[in-house]
Amino acid sequence: MDVGIFAKTFSRPDLPETLDAVVAAGLTTIQFNMALTAGGRSMPDDIPLALATQVRDEVARRDLKMAAVSGTYNMAHPDATVRATGRRRLHALIAGARDMGTSVVTLCTGSRCAEDMWRWHPDNAKPEAWRDMRGSIEAAVGAAETHDVTLGFEPEHNNIVNDAATGRRLLDELGSPPQLKVVIDPANLFPGGHLARQADTLNAAFDLLGDDLVLAHAKDVTADGTIVAAGHGALDYDLYISLLHFAAPDVALIMHGLSEAEVPGCRTFIQTALARILPS
């Protein structure tokens, strides 16, 4: 199981220096974000072949592996025009992903909160929100099929798909197309840090979604709901890694939600847990 990182954790003036920092940290796998390129936008309107191949070459030159590229936009934004803009940019990213060196694009199912797609809104529970999010996902799946790309959506307690059960519902409603998979992040399954029954929650999540995982994230959560670096919270990482190894041993485990200064300790924590849990 490769332990990687969101490359944007390292704040550097340009892409080569960012990737050099990844290498210096002893990591070989990244989740990429287009904001690291010269254009500086996480979702540009288009991705010229020259830019895509530049990214691919810079990554390959350092023997790094791009496990995925982030394609997040608010798929449930209350304004259809805003959703259409995000959809167009996501489709451009999907079209360019393989030229960049990856076949996986990650998604956010979004929120009815117009200001912040990571913030809960009461309207998230309304049928109209689900309808709009599902329409956005369906359009993305069509683009992914055209370009032979896999999409990974992430259940997150502030989003429309807010737990493993709604993640399973989305997959089932769409007929579990091969282009649509799941990014699992245990910290996002515990709103408010309600960890008293975390074994039940984690086991249920893997029962529902374990066969559909394409990527895993590694961050942590405290008892008051604060998101922290892996090893700084109260998540049962031994259980998480055991479940992940059983369900999808070949997926990358991507650290995020941490500062650059926390990277060495977080990496050591995860690698120690892997050595303790996984067979040699």
Protein backbone atom coordinates (compact mmCIF):
# COMPACT_ATOMS: atom_id res chain seq x y z
CA MET A 1 0.00 0.00 0.00
CA ASP A 2 1.61 3.24 -1.17
CA VAL A 3 1.57 6.15 1.28
CA GLY A 4 1.28 9.42 -0.62
CA ILE A 5 0.27 13.03 -0.13
CA PHE A 6 -1.69 15.89 -1.63
CA ALA A 7 1.12 17.64 -3.47
CA LYS A 8 -0.37 21.04 -2.59
CA THR A 9 0.67 20.40 1.05
CA PHE A 10 4.04 21.80 -0.04
CA SER A 11 3.83 25.50 -0.81
CA ARG A 12 6.49 26.34 -3.39
CA PRO A 13 6.83 28.95 -6.16
CA ASP A 14 6.43 26.49 -9.03
CA LEU A 15 5.63 22.90 -9.91
CA PRO A 16 9.20 21.57 -10.09
CA GLU A 17 10.01 22.89 -6.61
CA THR A 18 6.76 21.45 -5.25
CA LEU A 19 7.55 18.02 -6.64
CA ASP A 20 11.13 18.26 -5.37
CA ALA A 21 9.69 18.85 -1.89
CA VAL A 22 7.59 15.69 -2.22
CA VAL A 23 10.70 13.70 -3.10
CA ALA A 24 12.69 15.28 -0.26
CA ALA A 25 9.97 14.14 2.15
CA GLY A 26 10.62 10.55 1.09
CA LEU A 27 7.29 10.12 -0.72
CA THR A 28 6.68 8.60 -4.14
CA THR A 29 2.92 8.98 -4.67
CA ILE A 30 0.83 12.14 -5.01
CA GLN A 31 -2.68 13.37 -5.50
CA PHE A 32 -2.33 16.31 -7.86
CA ASN A 33 -4.14 19.64 -8.08
CA MET A 34 -4.03 21.89 -11.15
CA ALA A 35 -3.46 24.93 -8.94
CA LEU A 36 0.18 23.80 -8.76
CA THR A 37 0.68 24.66 -12.43
CA ALA A 38 1.60 28.07 -13.79
CA GLY A 39 -2.06 29.00 -14.33
CA GLY A 40 -2.73 28.64 -10.62
CA ARG A 41 -6.38 27.56 -10.96
CA SER A 42 -7.57 24.30 -9.51
CA MET A 43 -10.04 23.87 -12.39
CA PRO A 44 -8.93 25.70 -15.56
CA ASP A 45 -11.29 26.12 -18.49
CA ASP A 46 -9.13 23.88 -20.63
CA ILE A 47 -5.93 21.87 -20.35
CA PRO A 48 -3.74 22.19 -23.44
CA LEU A 49 -1.79 19.11 -24.38
CA ALA A 50 1.47 20.98 -23.80
CA LEU A 51 0.47 21.70 -20.17
CA ALA A 52 -0.70 18.14 -19.54
CA THR A 53 2.50 16.62 -20.89
CA GLN A 54 4.60 19.12 -18.93
CA VAL A 55 2.93 17.96 -15.72
CA ARG A 56 3.36 14.30 -16.68
CA ASP A 57 7.03 14.78 -17.55
CA GLU A 58 7.83 16.66 -14.34
CA VAL A 59 6.17 13.93 -12.28
CA ALA A 60 7.86 11.11 -14.21
CA ARG A 61 11.28 12.78 -14.07
CA ARG A 62 11.19 12.34 -10.29
CA ASP A 63 9.88 8.77 -10.40
CA LEU A 64 6.66 9.89 -8.76
CA LYS A 65 3.27 8.27 -9.30
CA MET A 66 0.15 10.41 -9.72
CA ALA A 67 -2.56 8.38 -8.02
CA ALA A 68 -5.27 10.91 -8.89
CA VAL A 69 -5.94 14.51 -9.84
CA SER A 70 -8.49 16.60 -7.94
CA GLY A 71 -11.55 17.61 -9.96
CA THR A 72 -13.69 18.98 -7.14
CA TYR A 73 -16.39 21.56 -7.76
CA ASN A 74 -19.77 22.10 -6.13
CA MET A 75 -21.89 19.52 -7.93
CA ALA A 76 -24.97 20.58 -5.96
CA HIS A 77 -24.57 24.36 -6.10
CA PRO A 78 -28.00 26.03 -5.98
CA ASP A 79 -27.21 28.07 -9.13
CA ALA A 80 -27.45 25.97 -12.30
CA THR A 81 -25.12 28.38 -14.11
CA VAL A 82 -22.40 27.82 -11.51
CA ARG A 83 -22.88 24.07 -11.80
CA ALA A 84 -22.60 24.28 -15.58
CA THR A 85 -19.29 26.15 -15.32
CA GLY A 86 -17.90 23.57 -12.92
CA ARG A 87 -19.13 20.76 -15.16
CA ARG A 88 -17.37 22.23 -18.20
CA ARG A 89 -14.10 22.59 -16.33
CA LEU A 90 -14.34 19.09 -14.88
CA HIS A 91 -14.88 17.65 -18.35
CA ALA A 92 -11.77 19.46 -19.57
CA LEU A 93 -9.83 17.90 -16.69
CA ILE A 94 -11.22 14.46 -17.45
CA ALA A 95 -10.21 14.86 -21.09
CA GLY A 96 -6.65 15.77 -20.08
CA ALA A 97 -6.13 13.39 -17.15
CA ARG A 98 -4.43 10.55 -19.03
CA ASP A 99 -2.11 12.97 -20.81
CA MET A 100 -1.13 14.18 -17.33
CA GLY A 101 -0.31 10.66 -16.22
CA THR A 102 -3.33 9.50 -14.23
CA SER A 103 -6.60 7.73 -14.88
CA VAL A 104 -8.36 8.81 -11.67
CA VAL A 105 -10.18 12.11 -11.08
CA THR A 106 -11.62 12.84 -7.64
CA LEU A 107 -14.96 14.57 -7.03
CA CYS A 108 -16.94 16.37 -4.34
CA THR A 109 -20.71 15.79 -4.36
CA GLY A 110 -21.15 19.32 -3.06
CA SER A 111 -23.53 21.27 -0.86
CA ARG A 112 -26.42 23.69 -1.26
CA CYS A 113 -24.19 26.21 0.52
CA ALA A 114 -23.35 28.68 -2.25
CA GLU A 115 -20.26 30.04 -0.50
CA ASP A 116 -18.51 26.82 0.52
CA MET A 117 -19.01 23.35 -0.96
CA TRP A 118 -17.56 21.82 2.23
CA ARG A 119 -20.17 23.41 4.50
CA TRP A 120 -23.46 21.80 5.48
CA HIS A 121 -26.73 23.42 4.38
CA PRO A 122 -30.22 22.37 5.50
CA ASP A 123 -31.31 22.09 1.88
CA ASN A 124 -28.78 19.30 1.33
CA ALA A 125 -31.44 16.87 2.52
CA LYS A 126 -34.04 17.97 -0.05
CA PRO A 127 -34.79 15.82 -3.11
CA GLU A 128 -33.88 18.70 -5.42
CA ALA A 129 -30.34 18.78 -4.08
CA TRP A 130 -29.93 15.06 -4.71
CA ARG A 131 -31.39 15.46 -8.21
CA ASP A 132 -28.95 18.21 -9.16
CA MET A 133 -25.95 16.40 -7.69
CA ARG A 134 -26.92 13.18 -9.43
CA GLY A 135 -27.26 15.02 -12.75
CA SER A 136 -23.76 16.42 -12.31
CA ILE A 137 -22.38 12.95 -11.52
CA GLU A 138 -24.15 11.38 -14.50
CA ALA A 139 -22.67 13.95 -16.87
CA ALA A 140 -19.20 13.35 -15.42
CA VAL A 141 -19.57 9.59 -15.81
CA GLY A 142 -20.40 10.10 -19.48
CA ALA A 143 -17.24 12.14 -19.98
CA ALA A 144 -15.20 9.59 -18.03
CA GLU A 145 -16.47 6.78 -20.24
CA THR A 146 -15.44 8.73 -23.35
CA HIS A 147 -11.91 9.30 -22.05
CA ASP A 148 -11.38 5.99 -20.20
CA VAL A 149 -11.08 7.66 -16.80
CA THR A 150 -12.29 6.57 -13.36
CA LEU A 151 -14.05 9.04 -11.08
CA GLY A 152 -13.86 8.85 -7.30
CA PHE A 153 -16.46 10.59 -5.13
CA GLU A 154 -15.92 11.00 -1.41
CA PRO A 155 -18.67 10.62 1.22
CA GLU A 156 -18.32 13.65 3.48
CA HIS A 157 -20.68 14.61 6.28
CA ASN A 158 -21.23 18.17 5.01
CA ASN A 159 -22.00 17.11 1.45
CA ILE A 160 -25.02 15.65 -0.33
CA VAL A 161 -23.43 12.20 -0.18
CA ASN A 162 -22.79 12.50 3.53
CA ASP A 163 -22.12 8.92 4.65
CA ALA A 164 -21.49 5.42 3.38
CA ALA A 165 -25.21 4.67 3.01
CA THR A 166 -25.83 7.61 0.67
CA GLY A 167 -22.67 6.66 -1.21
CA ARG A 168 -24.12 3.19 -1.74
CA ARG A 169 -27.43 4.76 -2.80
CA LEU A 170 -25.71 6.85 -5.47
CA LEU A 171 -23.83 3.87 -6.88
CA ASP A 172 -26.96 1.73 -6.91
CA GLU A 173 -29.13 4.38 -8.55
CA LEU A 174 -26.60 4.76 -11.36
CA GLY A 175 -26.12 1.02 -11.74
CA SER A 176 -22.55 1.07 -10.36
CA PRO A 177 -20.90 2.09 -13.64
CA PRO A 178 -17.24 1.03 -13.85
CA GLN A 179 -16.26 4.69 -14.27
CA LEU A 180 -17.62 5.64 -10.83
CA LYS A 181 -15.82 4.59 -7.66
CA VAL A 182 -15.30 5.81 -4.09
CA VAL A 183 -12.62 7.70 -2.18
CA ILE A 184 -12.75 6.65 1.46
CA ASP A 185 -11.75 9.05 4.24
CA PRO A 186 -12.64 7.84 7.73
CA ALA A 187 -12.38 11.29 9.29
CA ASN A 188 -15.29 12.44 7.12
CA LEU A 189 -17.62 9.77 8.49
CA PHE A 190 -17.83 11.19 12.02
CA PRO A 191 -19.70 14.53 12.13
CA GLY A 192 -18.97 16.40 15.33
CA GLY A 193 -16.38 13.84 16.33
CA HIS A 194 -18.97 11.29 17.49
CA LEU A 195 -16.50 8.43 17.78
CA ALA A 196 -18.09 6.30 20.49
CA ARG A 197 -19.17 3.64 17.97
CA GLN A 198 -16.46 4.15 15.41
CA ALA A 199 -15.82 0.43 14.92
CA ASP A 200 -19.45 -0.04 13.89
CA THR A 201 -19.28 2.97 11.56
CA LEU A 202 -16.03 1.91 9.91
CA ASN A 203 -17.10 -1.71 9.48
CA ALA A 204 -20.43 -0.62 7.98
CA ALA A 205 -18.69 1.79 5.60
CA PHE A 206 -16.42 -0.94 4.27
CA ASP A 207 -19.30 -3.40 4.05
CA LEU A 208 -21.20 -0.93 1.86
CA LEU A 209 -18.36 0.55 -0.20
CA GLY A 210 -15.32 -1.70 0.15
CA ASP A 211 -15.76 -3.30 -3.27
CA ASP A 212 -15.82 0.11 -4.99
CA LEU A 213 -12.76 1.89 -3.60
CA VAL A 214 -10.31 3.64 -5.92
CA LEU A 215 -8.39 5.80 -3.40
CA ALA A 216 -8.04 6.26 0.36
CA HIS A 217 -7.33 9.37 2.36
CA ALA A 218 -5.48 9.65 5.65
CA LYS A 219 -6.40 12.34 8.09
CA ASP A 220 -7.82 12.23 11.62
CA VAL A 221 -10.53 13.73 13.80
CA THR A 222 -10.70 14.60 17.49
CA ALA A 223 -13.59 14.04 19.87
CA ASP A 224 -14.82 17.62 19.31
CA GLY A 225 -14.91 17.18 15.53
CA THR A 226 -11.68 19.00 14.69
CA ILE A 227 -9.90 17.63 11.62
CA VAL A 228 -6.21 16.99 12.30
CA ALA A 229 -3.28 15.12 10.78
CA ALA A 230 -3.30 11.33 10.95
CA GLY A 231 -2.14 10.20 14.37
CA HIS A 232 -3.20 13.43 16.09
CA GLY A 233 -6.82 12.45 16.66
CA ALA A 234 -8.88 9.60 18.02
CA LEU A 235 -9.47 7.44 14.94
CA ASP A 236 -8.68 3.75 15.25
CA TYR A 237 -6.06 3.60 12.49
CA ASP A 238 -5.26 -0.04 13.14
CA LEU A 239 -8.87 -0.92 12.32
CA TYR A 240 -8.96 1.46 9.33
CA ILE A 241 -5.80 0.04 7.78
CA SER A 242 -6.93 -3.54 8.43
CA LEU A 243 -10.26 -2.90 6.69
CA LEU A 244 -8.56 -1.06 3.85
CA HIS A 245 -6.02 -3.82 3.30
CA PHE A 246 -8.75 -6.45 3.17
CA ALA A 247 -11.00 -4.46 0.82
CA ALA A 248 -8.54 -2.73 -1.51
CA PRO A 249 -4.88 -3.48 -0.76
CA ASP A 250 -3.61 -1.81 -3.92
CA VAL A 251 -5.12 1.65 -3.46
CA ALA A 252 -2.89 4.57 -2.50
CA LEU A 253 -3.30 6.05 0.98
CA ILE A 254 -3.03 9.82 0.58
CA MET A 255 -2.18 12.07 3.53
CA HIS A 256 -3.90 15.44 3.68
CA GLY A 257 -5.34 17.90 6.14
CA LEU A 258 -1.87 18.50 7.54
CA SER A 259 0.87 21.12 7.44
CA GLU A 260 4.24 20.56 5.82
CA ALA A 261 5.82 20.48 9.28
CA GLU A 262 3.53 17.58 10.23
CA VAL A 263 4.44 15.44 7.22
CA PRO A 264 7.39 13.49 8.74
CA GLY A 265 5.52 12.54 11.90
CA CYS A 266 2.34 11.67 10.01
CA ARG A 267 4.26 9.51 7.54
CA THR A 268 6.02 7.68 10.38
CA PHE A 269 2.73 7.13 12.19
CA ILE A 270 1.10 5.57 9.12
CA GLN A 271 4.08 3.48 8.13
CA THR A 272 4.40 2.17 11.70
CA ALA A 273 0.73 1.22 11.68
CA LEU A 274 1.14 -0.48 8.30
CA ALA A 275 4.11 -2.48 9.57
CA ARG A 276 2.18 -3.49 12.66
CA ILE A 277 -1.02 -4.48 10.90
CA LEU A 278 -0.07 -5.85 7.51
CA PRO A 279 1.60 -9.21 6.92
CA SER A 280 5.28 -8.98 6.07
